[in-house]
Amino acid sequence: MSYSRWGGSVWYSFYNCSSGDTRDTQVLSLWYSMEYTIDWLYEDLDDVTAADIVEMYKCTAAEADEAMEIIGWFMADVEEDYPDAMQILDKIDKIGEPR
């Protein structure tokens, strides 16, 4: 799935099909130009800040803010596709609750 494409954005970003089988091994391709084609693992994005993006990609703060929004979309998609154990337990608990 693509989150942004060049033309409407400085970023070309997509949920990479080379992702692994677990939440932490899901891959976001977040490309700023052909010089900065960086692929990120889900587990590495948890602590990334806009300042980190500016430093890694040599982009502007506004462009980094857009990248952070893309990262948020990706992480939400991964969390939906790969719920953690607590989310699964919550769903199981709700099955037995009266309606």
PDB file of N, CA and C in Angstrom:
ATOM      1  N   MET A   1       0.836  -1.155   0.000  1.00  0.00           N
ATOM      2  CA  MET A   1       0.000   0.000   0.000  1.00  0.00           C
ATOM      3  C   MET A   1       0.894   1.235   0.000  1.00  0.00           C
ATOM      4  N   SER A   2       0.529   2.200  -0.814  1.00  0.00           N
ATOM      5  CA  SER A   2       1.282   3.438  -0.893  1.00  0.00           C
ATOM      6  C   SER A   2       0.670   4.486   0.035  1.00  0.00           C
ATOM      7  N   TYR A   3       1.520   5.202   0.760  1.00  0.00           N
ATOM      8  CA  TYR A   3       1.060   6.287   1.622  1.00  0.00           C
ATOM      9  C   TYR A   3       1.246   7.640   0.948  1.00  0.00           C
ATOM     10  N   SER A   4       2.251   7.754   0.090  1.00  0.00           N
ATOM     11  CA  SER A   4       2.493   8.994  -0.650  1.00  0.00           C
ATOM     12  C   SER A   4       3.323   8.662  -1.883  1.00  0.00           C
ATOM     13  N   ARG A   5       3.212   9.536  -2.867  1.00  0.00           N
ATOM     14  CA  ARG A   5       3.973   9.354  -4.108  1.00  0.00           C
ATOM     15  C   ARG A   5       4.584  10.690  -4.526  1.00  0.00           C
ATOM     16  N   TRP A   6       5.723  10.589  -5.189  1.00  0.00           N
ATOM     17  CA  TRP A   6       6.330  11.814  -5.709  1.00  0.00           C
ATOM     18  C   TRP A   6       5.357  12.463  -6.671  1.00  0.00           C
ATOM     19  N   GLY A   7       5.328  13.746  -6.693  1.00  0.00           N
ATOM     20  CA  GLY A   7       4.395  14.501  -7.509  1.00  0.00           C
ATOM     21  C   GLY A   7       3.466  15.281  -6.592  1.00  0.00           C
ATOM     22  N   GLY A   8       2.836  14.570  -5.651  1.00  0.00           N
ATOM     23  CA  GLY A   8       1.989  15.222  -4.658  1.00  0.00           C
ATOM     24  C   GLY A   8       2.699  15.386  -3.333  1.00  0.00           C
ATOM     25  N   SER A   9       3.908  14.876  -3.245  1.00  0.00           N
ATOM     26  CA  SER A   9       4.668  14.888  -1.996  1.00  0.00           C
ATOM     27  C   SER A   9       6.157  14.772  -2.321  1.00  0.00           C
ATOM     28  N   VAL A  10       6.993  15.184  -1.378  1.00  0.00           N
ATOM     29  CA  VAL A  10       8.436  14.957  -1.543  1.00  0.00           C
ATOM     30  C   VAL A  10       8.790  13.527  -1.165  1.00  0.00           C
ATOM     31  N   TRP A  11       7.830  12.807  -0.577  1.00  0.00           N
ATOM     32  CA  TRP A  11       8.049  11.448  -0.104  1.00  0.00           C
ATOM     33  C   TRP A  11       7.392  10.442  -1.028  1.00  0.00           C
ATOM     34  N   TYR A  12       8.098   9.349  -1.253  1.00  0.00           N
ATOM     35  CA  TYR A  12       7.503   8.165  -1.869  1.00  0.00           C
ATOM     36  C   TYR A  12       7.552   7.117  -0.774  1.00  0.00           C
ATOM     37  N   SER A  13       6.384   6.692  -0.319  1.00  0.00           N
ATOM     38  CA  SER A  13       6.358   5.806   0.843  1.00  0.00           C
ATOM     39  C   SER A  13       5.325   4.710   0.641  1.00  0.00           C
ATOM     40  N   PHE A  14       5.698   3.513   1.102  1.00  0.00           N
ATOM     41  CA  PHE A  14       4.793   2.380   0.935  1.00  0.00           C
ATOM     42  C   PHE A  14       5.126   1.273   1.924  1.00  0.00           C
ATOM     43  N   TYR A  15       4.104   0.467   2.196  1.00  0.00           N
ATOM     44  CA  TYR A  15       4.217  -0.727   3.035  1.00  0.00           C
ATOM     45  C   TYR A  15       4.887  -1.762   2.154  1.00  0.00           C
ATOM     46  N   ASN A  16       6.108  -2.127   2.484  1.00  0.00           N
ATOM     47  CA  ASN A  16       6.942  -2.944   1.613  1.00  0.00           C
ATOM     48  C   ASN A  16       6.538  -4.419   1.654  1.00  0.00           C
ATOM     49  N   CYS A  17       6.413  -5.009   0.481  1.00  0.00           N
ATOM     50  CA  CYS A  17       6.000  -6.421   0.397  1.00  0.00           C
ATOM     51  C   CYS A  17       7.092  -7.378   0.874  1.00  0.00           C
ATOM     52  N   SER A  18       8.292  -6.880   1.124  1.00  0.00           N
ATOM     53  CA  SER A  18       9.364  -7.749   1.621  1.00  0.00           C
ATOM     54  C   SER A  18       9.325  -7.878   3.145  1.00  0.00           C
ATOM     55  N   SER A  19       8.246  -7.392   3.755  1.00  0.00           N
ATOM     56  CA  SER A  19       8.114  -7.476   5.208  1.00  0.00           C
ATOM     57  C   SER A  19       8.111  -8.922   5.679  1.00  0.00           C
ATOM     58  N   GLY A  20       8.485  -9.116   6.938  1.00  0.00           N
ATOM     59  CA  GLY A  20       8.530 -10.452   7.527  1.00  0.00           C
ATOM     60  C   GLY A  20       7.178 -10.906   8.037  1.00  0.00           C
ATOM     61  N   ASP A  21       7.206 -11.845   8.962  1.00  0.00           N
ATOM     62  CA  ASP A  21       5.986 -12.477   9.452  1.00  0.00           C
ATOM     63  C   ASP A  21       5.511 -11.962  10.809  1.00  0.00           C
ATOM     64  N   THR A  22       6.217 -11.006  11.390  1.00  0.00           N
ATOM     65  CA  THR A  22       5.842 -10.486  12.700  1.00  0.00           C
ATOM     66  C   THR A  22       5.659  -8.982  12.624  1.00  0.00           C
ATOM     67  N   ARG A  23       5.065  -8.428  13.673  1.00  0.00           N
ATOM     68  CA  ARG A  23       4.860  -6.976  13.729  1.00  0.00           C
ATOM     69  C   ARG A  23       6.190  -6.235  13.572  1.00  0.00           C
ATOM     70  N   ASP A  24       7.195  -6.648  14.330  1.00  0.00           N
ATOM     71  CA  ASP A  24       8.468  -5.928  14.340  1.00  0.00           C
ATOM     72  C   ASP A  24       9.229  -5.999  13.028  1.00  0.00           C
ATOM     73  N   THR A  25       8.893  -6.963  12.170  1.00  0.00           N
ATOM     74  CA  THR A  25       9.629  -7.100  10.902  1.00  0.00           C
ATOM     75  C   THR A  25       8.870  -6.526   9.709  1.00  0.00           C
ATOM     76  N   GLN A  26       7.800  -5.781   9.977  1.00  0.00           N
ATOM     77  CA  GLN A  26       7.097  -5.102   8.889  1.00  0.00           C
ATOM     78  C   GLN A  26       7.947  -3.910   8.434  1.00  0.00           C
ATOM     79  N   VAL A  27       7.953  -3.650   7.130  1.00  0.00           N
ATOM     80  CA  VAL A  27       8.865  -2.662   6.551  1.00  0.00           C
ATOM     81  C   VAL A  27       8.106  -1.505   5.921  1.00  0.00           C
ATOM     82  N   LEU A  28       8.492  -0.292   6.300  1.00  0.00           N
ATOM     83  CA  LEU A  28       8.034   0.931   5.649  1.00  0.00           C
ATOM     84  C   LEU A  28       9.165   1.439   4.779  1.00  0.00           C
ATOM     85  N   SER A  29       8.914   1.557   3.484  1.00  0.00           N
ATOM     86  CA  SER A  29       9.871   2.209   2.592  1.00  0.00           C
ATOM     87  C   SER A  29       9.512   3.688   2.583  1.00  0.00           C
ATOM     88  N   LEU A  30      10.424   4.514   3.066  1.00  0.00           N
ATOM     89  CA  LEU A  30      10.212   5.953   3.170  1.00  0.00           C
ATOM     90  C   LEU A  30      11.345   6.628   2.408  1.00  0.00           C
ATOM     91  N   TRP A  31      11.036   7.002   1.164  1.00  0.00           N
ATOM     92  CA  TRP A  31      12.062   7.519   0.257  1.00  0.00           C
ATOM     93  C   TRP A  31      11.871   9.010   0.050  1.00  0.00           C
ATOM     94  N   TYR A  32      12.972   9.733   0.205  1.00  0.00           N
ATOM     95  CA  TYR A  32      12.967  11.191   0.035  1.00  0.00           C
ATOM     96  C   TYR A  32      13.421  11.570  -1.367  1.00  0.00           C
ATOM     97  N   SER A  33      14.337  10.849  -1.891  1.00  0.00           N
ATOM     98  CA  SER A  33      14.819  11.000  -3.263  1.00  0.00           C
ATOM     99  C   SER A  33      15.531   9.696  -3.592  1.00  0.00           C
ATOM    100  N   MET A  34      16.028   9.572  -4.767  1.00  0.00           N
ATOM    101  CA  MET A  34      16.745   8.338  -5.083  1.00  0.00           C
ATOM    102  C   MET A  34      18.040   8.228  -4.273  1.00  0.00           C
ATOM    103  N   GLU A  35      18.452   9.321  -3.668  1.00  0.00           N
ATOM    104  CA  GLU A  35      19.633   9.300  -2.808  1.00  0.00           C
ATOM    105  C   GLU A  35      19.299   8.789  -1.405  1.00  0.00           C
ATOM    106  N   TYR A  36      18.063   8.979  -0.982  1.00  0.00           N
ATOM    107  CA  TYR A  36      17.640   8.593   0.358  1.00  0.00           C
ATOM    108  C   TYR A  36      16.469   7.611   0.271  1.00  0.00           C
ATOM    109  N   THR A  37      16.757   6.381  -0.106  1.00  0.00           N
ATOM    110  CA  THR A  37      15.746   5.317  -0.193  1.00  0.00           C
ATOM    111  C   THR A  37      15.928   4.399   1.011  1.00  0.00           C
ATOM    112  N   ILE A  38      15.370   4.825   2.117  1.00  0.00           N
ATOM    113  CA  ILE A  38      15.572   4.136   3.385  1.00  0.00           C
ATOM    114  C   ILE A  38      14.347   3.282   3.708  1.00  0.00           C
ATOM    115  N   ASP A  39      14.605   2.036   4.066  1.00  0.00           N
ATOM    116  CA  ASP A  39      13.562   1.116   4.508  1.00  0.00           C
ATOM    117  C   ASP A  39      13.675   0.971   6.022  1.00  0.00           C
ATOM    118  N   TRP A  40      12.542   1.098   6.707  1.00  0.00           N
ATOM    119  CA  TRP A  40      12.497   1.068   8.166  1.00  0.00           C
ATOM    120  C   TRP A  40      11.722  -0.153   8.646  1.00  0.00           C
ATOM    121  N   LEU A  41      12.240  -0.825   9.656  1.00  0.00           N
ATOM    122  CA  LEU A  41      11.476  -1.858  10.339  1.00  0.00           C
ATOM    123  C   LEU A  41      10.534  -1.189  11.339  1.00  0.00           C
ATOM    124  N   TYR A  42       9.374  -1.785  11.511  1.00  0.00           N
ATOM    125  CA  TYR A  42       8.404  -1.266  12.479  1.00  0.00           C
ATOM    126  C   TYR A  42       9.064  -1.036  13.838  1.00  0.00           C
ATOM    127  N   GLU A  43       9.833  -2.017  14.302  1.00  0.00           N
ATOM    128  CA  GLU A  43      10.435  -1.919  15.636  1.00  0.00           C
ATOM    129  C   GLU A  43      11.390  -0.739  15.765  1.00  0.00           C
ATOM    130  N   ASP A  44      11.940  -0.260  14.658  1.00  0.00           N
ATOM    131  CA  ASP A  44      12.879   0.862  14.699  1.00  0.00           C
ATOM    132  C   ASP A  44      12.183   2.218  14.646  1.00  0.00           C
ATOM    133  N   LEU A  45      10.896   2.226  14.341  1.00  0.00           N
ATOM    134  CA  LEU A  45      10.180   3.498  14.187  1.00  0.00           C
ATOM    135  C   LEU A  45       9.602   4.027  15.486  1.00  0.00           C
ATOM    136  N   ASP A  46       9.533   3.202  16.501  1.00  0.00           N
ATOM    137  CA  ASP A  46       8.893   3.583  17.754  1.00  0.00           C
ATOM    138  C   ASP A  46       9.483   4.846  18.370  1.00  0.00           C
ATOM    139  N   ASP A  47      10.770   5.015  18.288  1.00  0.00           N
ATOM    140  CA  ASP A  47      11.433   6.143  18.943  1.00  0.00           C
ATOM    141  C   ASP A  47      11.907   7.225  17.975  1.00  0.00           C
ATOM    142  N   VAL A  48      11.524   7.127  16.714  1.00  0.00           N
ATOM    143  CA  VAL A  48      11.972   8.105  15.722  1.00  0.00           C
ATOM    144  C   VAL A  48      11.250   9.433  15.937  1.00  0.00           C
ATOM    145  N   THR A  49      11.996  10.519  15.837  1.00  0.00           N
ATOM    146  CA  THR A  49      11.424  11.864  15.966  1.00  0.00           C
ATOM    147  C   THR A  49      11.589  12.624  14.653  1.00  0.00           C
ATOM    148  N   ALA A  50      10.901  13.739  14.544  1.00  0.00           N
ATOM    149  CA  ALA A  50      11.043  14.588  13.358  1.00  0.00           C
ATOM    150  C   ALA A  50      12.494  15.064  13.227  1.00  0.00           C
ATOM    151  N   ALA A  51      13.140  15.329  14.349  1.00  0.00           N
ATOM    152  CA  ALA A  51      14.547  15.752  14.308  1.00  0.00           C
ATOM    153  C   ALA A  51      15.427  14.648  13.720  1.00  0.00           C
ATOM    154  N   ASP A  52      15.133  13.391  14.047  1.00  0.00           N
ATOM    155  CA  ASP A  52      15.873  12.263  13.466  1.00  0.00           C
ATOM    156  C   ASP A  52      15.688  12.225  11.948  1.00  0.00           C
ATOM    157  N   ILE A  53      14.464  12.475  11.508  1.00  0.00           N
ATOM    158  CA  ILE A  53      14.167  12.454  10.073  1.00  0.00           C
ATOM    159  C   ILE A  53      14.935  13.559   9.354  1.00  0.00           C
ATOM    160  N   VAL A  54      14.939  14.760   9.921  1.00  0.00           N
ATOM    161  CA  VAL A  54      15.692  15.876   9.326  1.00  0.00           C
ATOM    162  C   VAL A  54      17.161  15.501   9.191  1.00  0.00           C
ATOM    163  N   GLU A  55      17.713  14.915  10.229  1.00  0.00           N
ATOM    164  CA  GLU A  55      19.131  14.550  10.214  1.00  0.00           C
ATOM    165  C   GLU A  55      19.433  13.453   9.190  1.00  0.00           C
ATOM    166  N   MET A  56      18.592  12.431   9.135  1.00  0.00           N
ATOM    167  CA  MET A  56      18.855  11.292   8.238  1.00  0.00           C
ATOM    168  C   MET A  56      18.647  11.627   6.773  1.00  0.00           C
ATOM    169  N   TYR A  57      17.598  12.405   6.491  1.00  0.00           N
ATOM    170  CA  TYR A  57      17.226  12.670   5.105  1.00  0.00           C
ATOM    171  C   TYR A  57      17.688  14.031   4.587  1.00  0.00           C
ATOM    172  N   LYS A  58      18.169  14.887   5.490  1.00  0.00           N
ATOM    173  CA  LYS A  58      18.573  16.250   5.110  1.00  0.00           C
ATOM    174  C   LYS A  58      17.393  17.012   4.502  1.00  0.00           C
ATOM    175  N   CYS A  59      16.228  16.850   5.134  1.00  0.00           N
ATOM    176  CA  CYS A  59      15.009  17.496   4.662  1.00  0.00           C
ATOM    177  C   CYS A  59      14.649  18.655   5.590  1.00  0.00           C
ATOM    178  N   THR A  60      13.593  19.379   5.235  1.00  0.00           N
ATOM    179  CA  THR A  60      13.135  20.484   6.069  1.00  0.00           C
ATOM    180  C   THR A  60      12.288  19.952   7.226  1.00  0.00           C
ATOM    181  N   ALA A  61      12.051  20.812   8.202  1.00  0.00           N
ATOM    182  CA  ALA A  61      11.218  20.423   9.340  1.00  0.00           C
ATOM    183  C   ALA A  61       9.790  20.111   8.890  1.00  0.00           C
ATOM    184  N   ALA A  62       9.263  20.890   7.965  1.00  0.00           N
ATOM    185  CA  ALA A  62       7.905  20.636   7.455  1.00  0.00           C
ATOM    186  C   ALA A  62       7.839  19.292   6.731  1.00  0.00           C
ATOM    187  N   GLU A  63       8.870  18.964   5.978  1.00  0.00           N
ATOM    188  CA  GLU A  63       8.917  17.670   5.287  1.00  0.00           C
ATOM    189  C   GLU A  63       9.033  16.525   6.299  1.00  0.00           C
ATOM    190  N   ALA A  64       9.785  16.758   7.358  1.00  0.00           N
ATOM    191  CA  ALA A  64       9.913  15.749   8.415  1.00  0.00           C
ATOM    192  C   ALA A  64       8.576  15.535   9.121  1.00  0.00           C
ATOM    193  N   ASP A  65       7.817  16.612   9.312  1.00  0.00           N
ATOM    194  CA  ASP A  65       6.486  16.485   9.923  1.00  0.00           C
ATOM    195  C   ASP A  65       5.582  15.619   9.047  1.00  0.00           C
ATOM    196  N   GLU A  66       5.664  15.801   7.733  1.00  0.00           N
ATOM    197  CA  GLU A  66       4.884  14.960   6.810  1.00  0.00           C
ATOM    198  C   GLU A  66       5.331  13.499   6.931  1.00  0.00           C
ATOM    199  N   ALA A  67       6.635  13.275   7.027  1.00  0.00           N
ATOM    200  CA  ALA A  67       7.157  11.912   7.182  1.00  0.00           C
ATOM    201  C   ALA A  67       6.640  11.290   8.476  1.00  0.00           C
ATOM    202  N   MET A  68       6.567  12.060   9.539  1.00  0.00           N
ATOM    203  CA  MET A  68       6.069  11.538  10.812  1.00  0.00           C
ATOM    204  C   MET A  68       4.594  11.145  10.697  1.00  0.00           C
ATOM    205  N   GLU A  69       3.833  11.895   9.923  1.00  0.00           N
ATOM    206  CA  GLU A  69       2.439  11.534   9.688  1.00  0.00           C
ATOM    207  C   GLU A  69       2.353  10.203   8.931  1.00  0.00           C
ATOM    208  N   ILE A  70       3.196  10.037   7.932  1.00  0.00           N
ATOM    209  CA  ILE A  70       3.255   8.783   7.170  1.00  0.00           C
ATOM    210  C   ILE A  70       3.636   7.623   8.087  1.00  0.00           C
ATOM    211  N   ILE A  71       4.627   7.838   8.935  1.00  0.00           N
ATOM    212  CA  ILE A  71       5.046   6.811   9.887  1.00  0.00           C
ATOM    213  C   ILE A  71       3.878   6.424  10.792  1.00  0.00           C
ATOM    214  N   GLY A  72       3.117   7.398  11.230  1.00  0.00           N
ATOM    215  CA  GLY A  72       1.951   7.124  12.068  1.00  0.00           C
ATOM    216  C   GLY A  72       0.918   6.262  11.348  1.00  0.00           C
ATOM    217  N   TRP A  73       0.661   6.546  10.078  1.00  0.00           N
ATOM    218  CA  TRP A  73      -0.288   5.750   9.292  1.00  0.00           C
ATOM    219  C   TRP A  73       0.206   4.305   9.173  1.00  0.00           C
ATOM    220  N   PHE A  74       1.495   4.164   8.864  1.00  0.00           N
ATOM    221  CA  PHE A  74       2.081   2.831   8.726  1.00  0.00           C
ATOM    222  C   PHE A  74       1.965   2.053  10.035  1.00  0.00           C
ATOM    223  N   MET A  75       2.346   2.684  11.132  1.00  0.00           N
ATOM    224  CA  MET A  75       2.324   1.994  12.423  1.00  0.00           C
ATOM    225  C   MET A  75       0.904   1.577  12.798  1.00  0.00           C
ATOM    226  N   ALA A  76      -0.071   2.429  12.500  1.00  0.00           N
ATOM    227  CA  ALA A  76      -1.467   2.083  12.783  1.00  0.00           C
ATOM    228  C   ALA A  76      -1.901   0.879  11.947  1.00  0.00           C
ATOM    229  N   ASP A  77      -1.499   0.849  10.679  1.00  0.00           N
ATOM    230  CA  ASP A  77      -1.830  -0.297   9.829  1.00  0.00           C
ATOM    231  C   ASP A  77      -1.206  -1.580  10.354  1.00  0.00           C
ATOM    232  N   VAL A  78       0.059  -1.504  10.756  1.00  0.00           N
ATOM    233  CA  VAL A  78       0.750  -2.689  11.286  1.00  0.00           C
ATOM    234  C   VAL A  78       0.068  -3.165  12.564  1.00  0.00           C
ATOM    235  N   GLU A  79      -0.278  -2.239  13.443  1.00  0.00           N
ATOM    236  CA  GLU A  79      -0.915  -2.617  14.704  1.00  0.00           C
ATOM    237  C   GLU A  79      -2.288  -3.246  14.469  1.00  0.00           C
ATOM    238  N   GLU A  80      -2.971  -2.810  13.429  1.00  0.00           N
ATOM    239  CA  GLU A  80      -4.250  -3.427  13.084  1.00  0.00           C
ATOM    240  C   GLU A  80      -4.047  -4.838  12.535  1.00  0.00           C
ATOM    241  N   ASP A  81      -3.021  -5.000  11.700  1.00  0.00           N
ATOM    242  CA  ASP A  81      -2.739  -6.308  11.091  1.00  0.00           C
ATOM    243  C   ASP A  81      -2.100  -7.289  12.067  1.00  0.00           C
ATOM    244  N   TYR A  82      -1.350  -6.779  13.040  1.00  0.00           N
ATOM    245  CA  TYR A  82      -0.625  -7.613  13.999  1.00  0.00           C
ATOM    246  C   TYR A  82      -0.908  -7.125  15.418  1.00  0.00           C
ATOM    247  N   PRO A  83      -2.100  -7.433  15.936  1.00  0.00           N
ATOM    248  CA  PRO A  83      -2.425  -6.962  17.294  1.00  0.00           C
ATOM    249  C   PRO A  83      -1.492  -7.596  18.324  1.00  0.00           C
ATOM    250  N   ASP A  84      -1.194  -6.830  19.376  1.00  0.00           N
ATOM    251  CA  ASP A  84      -0.342  -7.395  20.419  1.00  0.00           C
ATOM    252  C   ASP A  84      -1.163  -8.289  21.344  1.00  0.00           C
ATOM    253  N   ALA A  85      -0.501  -8.975  22.222  1.00  0.00           N
ATOM    254  CA  ALA A  85      -1.151  -9.958  23.090  1.00  0.00           C
ATOM    255  C   ALA A  85      -2.234  -9.328  23.956  1.00  0.00           C
ATOM    256  N   MET A  86      -2.021  -8.115  24.444  1.00  0.00           N
ATOM    257  CA  MET A  86      -3.017  -7.464  25.299  1.00  0.00           C
ATOM    258  C   MET A  86      -4.297  -7.176  24.524  1.00  0.00           C
ATOM    259  N   GLN A  87      -4.173  -6.747  23.267  1.00  0.00           N
ATOM    260  CA  GLN A  87      -5.366  -6.499  22.461  1.00  0.00           C
ATOM    261  C   GLN A  87      -6.139  -7.794  22.242  1.00  0.00           C
ATOM    262  N   ILE A  88      -5.448  -8.876  22.012  1.00  0.00           N
ATOM    263  CA  ILE A  88      -6.099 -10.167  21.796  1.00  0.00           C
ATOM    264  C   ILE A  88      -6.808 -10.611  23.070  1.00  0.00           C
ATOM    265  N   LEU A  89      -6.151 -10.471  24.223  1.00  0.00           N
ATOM    266  CA  LEU A  89      -6.773 -10.846  25.492  1.00  0.00           C
ATOM    267  C   LEU A  89      -8.010  -9.997  25.786  1.00  0.00           C
ATOM    268  N   ASP A  90      -7.940  -8.698  25.464  1.00  0.00           N
ATOM    269  CA  ASP A  90      -9.100  -7.827  25.656  1.00  0.00           C
ATOM    270  C   ASP A  90     -10.281  -8.304  24.815  1.00  0.00           C
ATOM    271  N   LYS A  91     -10.029  -8.707  23.591  1.00  0.00           N
ATOM    272  CA  LYS A  91     -11.099  -9.197  22.720  1.00  0.00           C
ATOM    273  C   LYS A  91     -11.691 -10.485  23.263  1.00  0.00           C
ATOM    274  N   ILE A  92     -10.831 -11.361  23.771  1.00  0.00           N
ATOM    275  CA  ILE A  92     -11.310 -12.622  24.342  1.00  0.00           C
ATOM    276  C   ILE A  92     -12.169 -12.331  25.569  1.00  0.00           C
ATOM    277  N   ASP A  93     -11.732 -11.411  26.436  1.00  0.00           N
ATOM    278  CA  ASP A  93     -12.488 -11.065  27.624  1.00  0.00           C
ATOM    279  C   ASP A  93     -13.869 -10.515  27.270  1.00  0.00           C
ATOM    280  N   LYS A  94     -13.950  -9.726  26.201  1.00  0.00           N
ATOM    281  CA  LYS A  94     -15.221  -9.120  25.801  1.00  0.00           C
ATOM    282  C   LYS A  94     -16.200 -10.146  25.254  1.00  0.00           C
ATOM    283  N   ILE A  95     -15.715 -11.255  24.785  1.00  0.00           N
ATOM    284  CA  ILE A  95     -16.598 -12.299  24.252  1.00  0.00           C
ATOM    285  C   ILE A  95     -17.532 -12.807  25.344  1.00  0.00           C
ATOM    286  N   GLY A  96     -17.024 -12.942  26.566  1.00  0.00           N
ATOM    287  CA  GLY A  96     -17.804 -13.473  27.668  1.00  0.00           C
ATOM    288  C   GLY A  96     -18.654 -12.438  28.386  1.00  0.00           C
ATOM    289  N   GLU A  97     -18.526 -11.150  28.040  1.00  0.00           N
ATOM    290  CA  GLU A  97     -19.292 -10.104  28.725  1.00  0.00           C
ATOM    291  C   GLU A  97     -20.745 -10.117  28.255  1.00  0.00           C
ATOM    292  N   PRO A  98     -21.669  -9.831  29.190  1.00  0.00           N
ATOM    293  CA  PRO A  98     -23.068  -9.745  28.771  1.00  0.00           C
ATOM    294  C   PRO A  98     -23.286  -8.518  27.878  1.00  0.00           C
ATOM    295  N   ARG A  99     -24.256  -8.635  27.014  1.00  0.00           N
ATOM    296  CA  ARG A  99     -24.498  -7.525  26.059  1.00  0.00           C
ATOM    297  C   ARG A  99     -25.497  -6.572  26.579  1.00  0.00           C
TER     298      ARG A  99
END
